[in-house]
Protein backbone atom coordinates (compact mmCIF):
# COMPACT_ATOMS: atom_id res chain seq x y z
CA UNK A 1 0.00 0.00 0.00
CA UNK A 2 1.46 3.40 -0.93
CA UNK A 3 2.34 6.07 1.58
CA UNK A 4 2.06 9.55 0.09
CA UNK A 5 3.71 12.58 1.64
CA UNK A 6 1.92 15.82 0.83
CA UNK A 7 3.39 19.32 1.11
CA UNK A 8 0.59 21.91 1.06
CA UNK A 9 2.98 24.57 -0.25
CA UNK A 10 2.45 28.25 0.51
CA UNK A 11 0.82 28.24 3.98
CA UNK A 12 -1.22 31.40 3.34
CA UNK A 13 -2.58 30.06 0.06
CA UNK A 14 -5.21 27.45 -0.74
CA UNK A 15 -2.88 24.46 -0.36
CA UNK A 16 -3.79 23.80 3.30
CA UNK A 17 -7.50 24.16 2.48
CA UNK A 18 -7.25 21.58 -0.30
CA UNK A 19 -5.26 19.11 1.80
CA UNK A 20 -7.76 19.37 4.63
CA UNK A 21 -10.67 18.78 2.25
CA UNK A 22 -8.91 15.72 0.84
CA UNK A 23 -8.39 14.50 4.42
CA UNK A 24 -12.15 14.46 5.03
CA UNK A 25 -12.49 11.40 2.75
CA UNK A 26 -11.39 7.76 3.08
CA UNK A 27 -8.55 6.72 0.75
CA UNK A 28 -7.04 3.28 0.00
CA UNK A 29 -3.54 4.59 0.73
CA UNK A 30 -1.85 6.55 3.49
CA UNK A 31 -1.58 10.34 3.37
CA UNK A 32 0.99 12.16 5.53
CA UNK A 33 1.03 15.95 5.64
CA UNK A 34 4.47 17.52 5.91
CA UNK A 35 3.42 20.82 7.40
CA UNK A 36 2.85 22.87 10.53
CA UNK A 37 0.19 20.99 12.50
CA UNK A 38 -0.90 24.16 14.33
CA UNK A 39 -1.36 26.03 11.05
CA UNK A 40 -3.43 23.15 9.69
CA UNK A 41 -5.56 23.03 12.86
CA UNK A 42 -6.20 26.78 12.66
CA UNK A 43 -7.18 26.52 9.01
CA UNK A 44 -9.47 23.57 9.69
CA UNK A 45 -11.20 25.61 12.40
CA UNK A 46 -11.54 28.57 10.02
CA UNK A 47 -13.10 26.30 7.38
CA UNK A 48 -15.35 24.52 9.85
CA UNK A 49 -13.78 21.12 9.12
CA UNK A 50 -13.53 18.43 11.78
CA UNK A 51 -9.99 17.11 11.28
CA UNK A 52 -7.89 15.54 14.03
CA UNK A 53 -4.10 15.64 13.72
CA UNK A 54 -1.76 12.90 14.90
CA UNK A 55 2.05 12.62 14.66
CA UNK A 56 3.22 10.78 11.55
CA UNK A 57 4.81 7.39 12.17
CA UNK A 58 7.09 6.16 9.40
CA UNK A 59 8.18 3.12 11.39
CA UNK A 60 4.89 1.30 10.84
CA UNK A 61 3.49 -0.10 7.60
CA UNK A 62 1.22 2.29 5.66
CA UNK A 63 -2.48 2.04 6.42
CA UNK A 64 -5.51 3.38 4.54
CA UNK A 65 -6.38 6.99 5.21
CA UNK A 66 -9.35 7.39 7.52
CA UNK A 67 -11.63 10.35 6.97
CA UNK A 68 -11.04 13.11 9.50
CA UNK A 69 -7.71 11.83 10.84
CA UNK A 70 -4.55 13.31 9.33
CA UNK A 71 -1.02 12.17 10.22
CA UNK A 72 1.30 15.20 10.26
CA UNK A 73 5.08 15.35 10.02
CA UNK A 74 5.37 18.66 11.86
CA UNK A 75 7.50 21.53 10.51
CA UNK A 76 7.15 24.84 12.34
CA UNK A 77 6.20 27.97 10.42
CA UNK A 78 8.63 30.76 11.27
CA UNK A 79 5.98 33.49 11.06
CA UNK A 80 2.29 33.53 11.86
CA UNK A 81 0.04 32.63 8.95
CA UNK A 82 -3.00 34.62 7.88
CA UNK A 83 -5.03 33.00 5.14
CA UNK A 84 -4.73 35.02 1.96
CA UNK A 85 -1.79 37.17 3.14
CA UNK A 86 1.32 35.96 1.31
CA UNK A 87 4.67 36.72 2.92
CA UNK A 88 8.27 35.86 2.20
CA UNK A 89 8.79 35.21 5.92
CA UNK A 90 7.78 31.57 5.59
CA UNK A 91 9.84 30.83 2.47
CA UNK A 92 12.33 28.78 4.50
CA UNK A 93 9.41 26.81 5.96
CA UNK A 94 8.09 25.98 2.48
CA UNK A 95 11.49 24.73 1.34
CA UNK A 96 12.02 22.77 4.56
CA UNK A 97 8.74 20.89 4.09
CA UNK A 98 9.73 20.13 0.52
CA UNK A 99 13.24 18.97 1.49
CA UNK A 100 11.90 16.71 4.22
CA UNK A 101 9.29 15.14 1.96
CA UNK A 102 11.84 14.54 -0.80
CA UNK A 103 14.19 12.86 1.68
CA UNK A 104 11.40 10.56 2.89
CA UNK A 105 10.85 9.43 -0.71
CA UNK A 106 14.54 9.03 -1.50
CA UNK A 107 15.20 6.78 1.48
CA UNK A 108 12.01 4.76 1.08
CA UNK A 109 9.95 5.99 4.04
CA UNK A 110 7.34 7.23 1.57
CA UNK A 111 6.42 6.08 -1.92
CA UNK A 112 5.38 9.34 -3.54
CA UNK A 113 5.40 13.10 -3.13
CA UNK A 114 2.35 15.26 -3.84
CA UNK A 115 2.97 19.01 -3.80
CA UNK A 116 0.57 21.86 -3.26
CA UNK A 117 0.93 25.25 -4.94
CA UNK A 118 3.78 27.60 -4.08
CA UNK A 119 4.36 31.26 -4.82
CA UNK A 120 7.78 31.54 -6.43
CA UNK A 121 8.02 35.29 -5.88
CA UNK A 122 7.68 35.04 -2.08
CA UNK A 123 10.54 32.54 -2.05
CA UNK A 124 12.86 34.53 -4.30
CA UNK A 125 12.05 37.70 -2.35
CA UNK A 126 13.42 35.99 0.74
CA UNK A 127 16.78 35.67 -1.00
CA UNK A 128 16.46 31.98 -1.85
CA UNK A 129 17.13 31.15 -5.52
CA UNK A 130 14.09 29.23 -6.76
CA UNK A 131 12.59 28.78 -10.23
CA UNK A 132 9.94 26.20 -9.42
CA UNK A 133 9.33 22.74 -8.04
CA UNK A 134 10.52 20.82 -11.08
CA UNK A 135 14.12 22.00 -11.27
CA UNK A 136 14.38 22.08 -7.47
CA UNK A 137 13.36 18.43 -7.33
CA UNK A 138 15.88 17.47 -10.01
CA UNK A 139 18.70 19.17 -8.10
CA UNK A 140 17.74 17.59 -4.79
CA UNK A 141 17.39 14.16 -6.41
CA UNK A 142 20.63 14.59 -8.42
CA UNK A 143 18.64 13.67 -11.54
CA UNK A 144 19.02 14.71 -15.20
CA UNK A 145 16.68 17.46 -16.41
CA UNK A 146 13.14 16.20 -15.78
CA UNK A 147 10.08 16.73 -17.93
CA UNK A 148 6.91 18.52 -16.90
CA UNK A 149 3.87 16.51 -17.98
CA UNK A 150 0.32 17.79 -17.58
CA UNK A 151 -2.41 15.18 -17.82
CA UNK A 152 -6.14 15.09 -17.25
CA UNK A 153 -7.26 12.80 -14.46
CA UNK A 154 -8.69 10.30 -16.94
CA UNK A 155 -5.41 10.29 -18.96
CA UNK A 156 -7.26 11.28 -22.14
CA UNK A 157 -5.21 14.44 -22.73
CA UNK A 158 -1.49 14.81 -22.02
CA UNK A 159 0.96 17.61 -22.76
CA UNK A 160 4.71 17.54 -22.06
CA UNK A 161 7.00 20.55 -22.30
CA UNK A 162 10.32 20.79 -24.12
CA UNK A 163 11.10 23.96 -22.13
CA UNK A 164 9.46 25.14 -18.94
CA UNK A 165 9.48 28.53 -17.22
CA UNK A 166 11.44 30.61 -19.71
CA UNK A 167 10.82 34.05 -21.16
CA UNK A 168 9.54 33.57 -24.68
CA UNK A 169 12.57 35.34 -26.15
CA UNK A 170 14.84 32.64 -24.69
CA UNK A 171 12.97 29.62 -26.05
CA UNK A 172 14.59 29.32 -29.51
CA UNK A 173 18.14 29.27 -28.13
CA UNK A 174 17.09 26.76 -25.45
CA UNK A 175 16.14 24.20 -28.09
CA UNK A 176 18.78 21.84 -29.46
CA UNK A 177 18.79 18.51 -31.25
CA UNK A 178 20.45 16.81 -28.29
CA UNK A 179 18.17 18.49 -25.78
CA UNK A 180 15.03 17.50 -27.66
CA UNK A 181 16.23 13.92 -27.94
CA UNK A 182 16.49 13.90 -24.13
CA UNK A 183 12.95 15.29 -23.89
CA UNK A 184 11.56 12.66 -26.27
CA UNK A 185 13.41 9.78 -24.60
CA UNK A 186 12.49 10.86 -21.05
CA UNK A 187 8.85 11.35 -22.02
CA UNK A 188 8.60 7.96 -23.73
CA UNK A 189 10.35 6.20 -20.83
CA UNK A 190 8.15 8.00 -18.30
CA UNK A 191 4.93 7.05 -20.06
CA UNK A 192 6.09 3.44 -20.12
CA UNK A 193 7.20 3.29 -16.49
CA UNK A 194 4.57 5.50 -14.85
CA UNK A 195 1.50 4.97 -17.04
CA UNK A 196 2.03 1.47 -18.40
CA UNK A 197 2.07 2.42 -22.09
CA UNK A 198 4.15 -0.19 -23.91
CA UNK A 199 4.84 1.92 -27.00
CA UNK A 200 3.93 5.56 -26.31
CA UNK A 201 3.00 7.66 -29.34
CA UNK A 202 4.53 11.15 -29.26
CA UNK A 203 3.23 14.10 -31.27
CA UNK A 204 5.59 17.08 -31.48
CA UNK A 205 4.69 20.69 -32.18
CA UNK A 206 6.74 23.11 -34.20
CA UNK A 207 8.05 26.27 -32.63
CA UNK A 208 6.84 28.76 -35.22
CA UNK A 209 3.40 29.43 -36.72
CA UNK A 210 2.43 26.72 -39.21
CA UNK A 211 5.48 24.74 -38.00
CA UNK A 212 7.71 27.17 -39.88
CA UNK A 213 5.89 26.74 -43.20
CA UNK A 214 8.93 25.22 -44.93
CA UNK A 215 11.29 27.84 -43.57
CA UNK A 216 9.15 30.83 -44.49
CA UNK A 217 8.24 31.57 -40.85
CA UNK A 218 11.33 30.18 -39.13
CA UNK A 219 14.00 27.52 -39.47
CA UNK A 220 13.99 25.83 -36.05
CA UNK A 221 11.74 23.09 -37.40
CA UNK A 222 14.19 22.23 -40.18
CA UNK A 223 17.44 22.65 -38.27
CA UNK A 224 16.51 21.40 -34.79
CA UNK A 225 13.09 19.78 -34.34
CA UNK A 226 12.95 17.52 -37.40
CA UNK A 227 16.49 16.12 -36.88
CA UNK A 228 15.67 15.38 -33.24
CA UNK A 229 12.45 13.61 -34.27
CA UNK A 230 14.31 11.54 -36.87
CA UNK A 231 16.99 10.54 -34.33
CA UNK A 232 14.33 9.51 -31.81
CA UNK A 233 12.51 7.49 -34.46
CA UNK A 234 15.76 5.73 -35.35
CA UNK A 235 16.03 4.73 -31.67
CA UNK A 236 12.62 3.05 -31.73
CA UNK A 237 10.42 5.85 -30.38
CA UNK A 238 7.00 6.17 -32.01
CA UNK A 239 7.04 9.89 -32.82
CA UNK A 240 5.48 12.24 -35.38
CA UNK A 241 5.81 15.92 -36.24
CA UNK A 242 6.47 18.73 -36.16
CA UNK A 243 2.82 19.75 -36.29
CA UNK A 244 1.43 23.25 -36.27
CA UNK A 245 0.38 24.08 -32.71
CA UNK A 246 -2.89 25.58 -33.92
CA UNK A 247 -4.12 22.19 -35.18
CA UNK A 248 -2.32 19.50 -33.17
CA UNK A 249 -4.82 19.83 -30.31
CA UNK A 250 -7.82 19.17 -32.54
CA UNK A 251 -9.22 15.82 -31.38
CA UNK A 252 -8.78 13.99 -34.69
CA UNK A 253 -5.03 14.70 -34.66
CA UNK A 254 -4.32 14.77 -30.93
CA UNK A 255 -5.87 11.36 -30.32
CA UNK A 256 -3.42 9.79 -32.78
CA UNK A 257 -0.87 10.13 -29.99
CA UNK A 258 -0.58 9.58 -26.25
CA UNK A 259 1.05 12.94 -25.58
CA UNK A 260 1.69 16.23 -27.33
CA UNK A 261 5.16 17.65 -26.72
CA UNK A 262 5.00 21.45 -26.89
CA UNK A 263 8.06 23.61 -27.39
CA UNK A 264 7.22 26.10 -24.63
CA UNK A 265 4.97 26.59 -21.63
CA UNK A 266 2.19 28.73 -23.09
CA UNK A 267 2.08 26.78 -26.34
CA UNK A 268 0.89 23.61 -24.61
CA UNK A 269 -0.65 24.44 -21.27
CA UNK A 270 -3.49 26.73 -22.39
CA UNK A 271 -4.94 23.90 -24.49
CA UNK A 272 -5.03 21.29 -21.72
CA UNK A 273 -6.12 23.73 -19.04
CA UNK A 274 -8.96 24.95 -21.23
CA UNK A 275 -9.98 21.35 -21.85
CA UNK A 276 -9.88 20.23 -18.24
CA UNK A 277 -8.98 22.89 -15.68
CA UNK A 278 -9.51 21.65 -12.15
CA UNK A 279 -8.99 18.03 -13.15
CA UNK A 280 -5.49 18.36 -14.56
CA UNK A 281 -2.41 17.00 -12.76
CA UNK A 282 1.24 17.93 -13.05
CA UNK A 283 3.51 14.85 -13.14
CA UNK A 284 7.30 15.10 -13.15
CA UNK A 285 8.87 12.53 -15.47
CA UNK A 286 12.47 11.39 -15.14
CA UNK A 287 12.90 11.52 -11.37
CA UNK A 288 13.88 8.59 -9.15
CA UNK A 289 10.84 9.45 -6.99
CA UNK A 290 7.16 9.77 -7.86
CA UNK A 291 5.94 13.36 -7.83
CA UNK A 292 2.57 14.79 -8.77
CA UNK A 293 1.04 18.20 -8.17
CA UNK A 294 -1.98 20.40 -8.76
CA UNK A 295 -2.48 22.36 -11.97
CA UNK A 296 -3.08 25.75 -10.35
CA UNK A 297 -1.47 28.42 -8.21
CA UNK A 298 -1.82 29.56 -4.62
CA UNK A 299 -5.14 31.43 -5.18
CA UNK A 300 -4.67 33.57 -2.09
CA UNK A 301 -8.05 35.21 -2.63
CA UNK A 302 -9.74 31.85 -1.98
CA UNK A 303 -7.64 30.76 1.00
CA UNK A 304 -9.72 30.24 4.12
CA UNK A 305 -13.01 31.01 2.37
CA UNK A 306 -14.19 27.44 1.81
CA UNK A 307 -14.69 28.17 -1.90
CA UNK A 308 -11.53 26.46 -3.18
CA UNK A 309 -12.09 23.24 -5.14
CA UNK A 310 -9.84 20.26 -4.34
CA UNK A 311 -10.51 18.35 -7.58
CA UNK A 312 -6.95 18.71 -8.85
CA UNK A 313 -5.36 17.67 -5.54
CA UNK A 314 -7.68 14.69 -5.26
CA UNK A 315 -6.66 13.66 -8.77
CA UNK A 316 -2.99 14.23 -7.90
CA UNK A 317 -3.07 11.89 -4.90
CA UNK A 318 -4.95 9.23 -6.86
CA UNK A 319 -2.54 9.50 -9.78
CA UNK A 320 0.49 9.34 -7.47
CA UNK A 321 -0.82 6.11 -5.95
CA UNK A 322 -1.50 4.69 -9.43
CA UNK A 323 2.06 5.52 -10.55
CA UNK A 324 3.51 3.84 -7.45
CA UNK A 325 1.60 0.70 -8.39
CA UNK A 326 2.70 0.98 -12.02
CA UNK A 327 6.34 1.20 -10.94
CA UNK A 328 5.85 -1.71 -8.56
CA UNK A 329 7.35 0.26 -5.65
């Protein structure tokens, strides 16, 4: 039975609300919150949720989550938390919860990590260099560059990213034949290992409008993307493209593949979020640990109001448990 460690992320955001809502249901796996137990208790009181906290015990075998009882691996917030009031004062707390949860997964105390939303600006304002969960996880796990995969809960729509959080002006120079081969290989391997697809079918977008239109609108397709696709195909990967991004997400084309690999963040994510916002999960491919996350931000305006929807976090914990089973760990 899997044991999932969950970091609710920014304590003043909606992450604690979502975790507490998830904790009100029974689950066929164990959920451990890596967070400040007092902050969670205060938020539960604010939301009118009856949740009891107990110290986490990693020495025993995992047991199914019981509604209303949440094991907590306590990490103390350095500053008081007011729902909806983001502050850089608790940046070190956020990173400490993340570090502790990663360590539990690396040494086998836990089987998967599920992360709540963070606010990158409050962390960087504290003086800590931080460009997001994905690269932070890769550094802590001493792993090659991982791949950000967004998938709907029913696995009917998947998008992977060749580049992640980059200014648009930097995307063309970030693309290389070797780098794209790594993206294609890591994506194919991840879909096999984590989702049980024996021969994943990859669809690749172009970078430019109309996939460059034979060099008229750009040459990255000819000089970088097509050679990388050909090399991947020669290594046995089922891959097609480059396709124009304005048509690849049309159902008749998209469903020919198991994933669309977009060249940059806002080329791929608007399509999947429009199709399934609130039921989309972020999965990190290429790590030695299992990691899933929600598809949204901290939503400070909803924190503590009881109006936040936990659909994405529920899907993230279910998907994490499914991936653990798929890996056989």
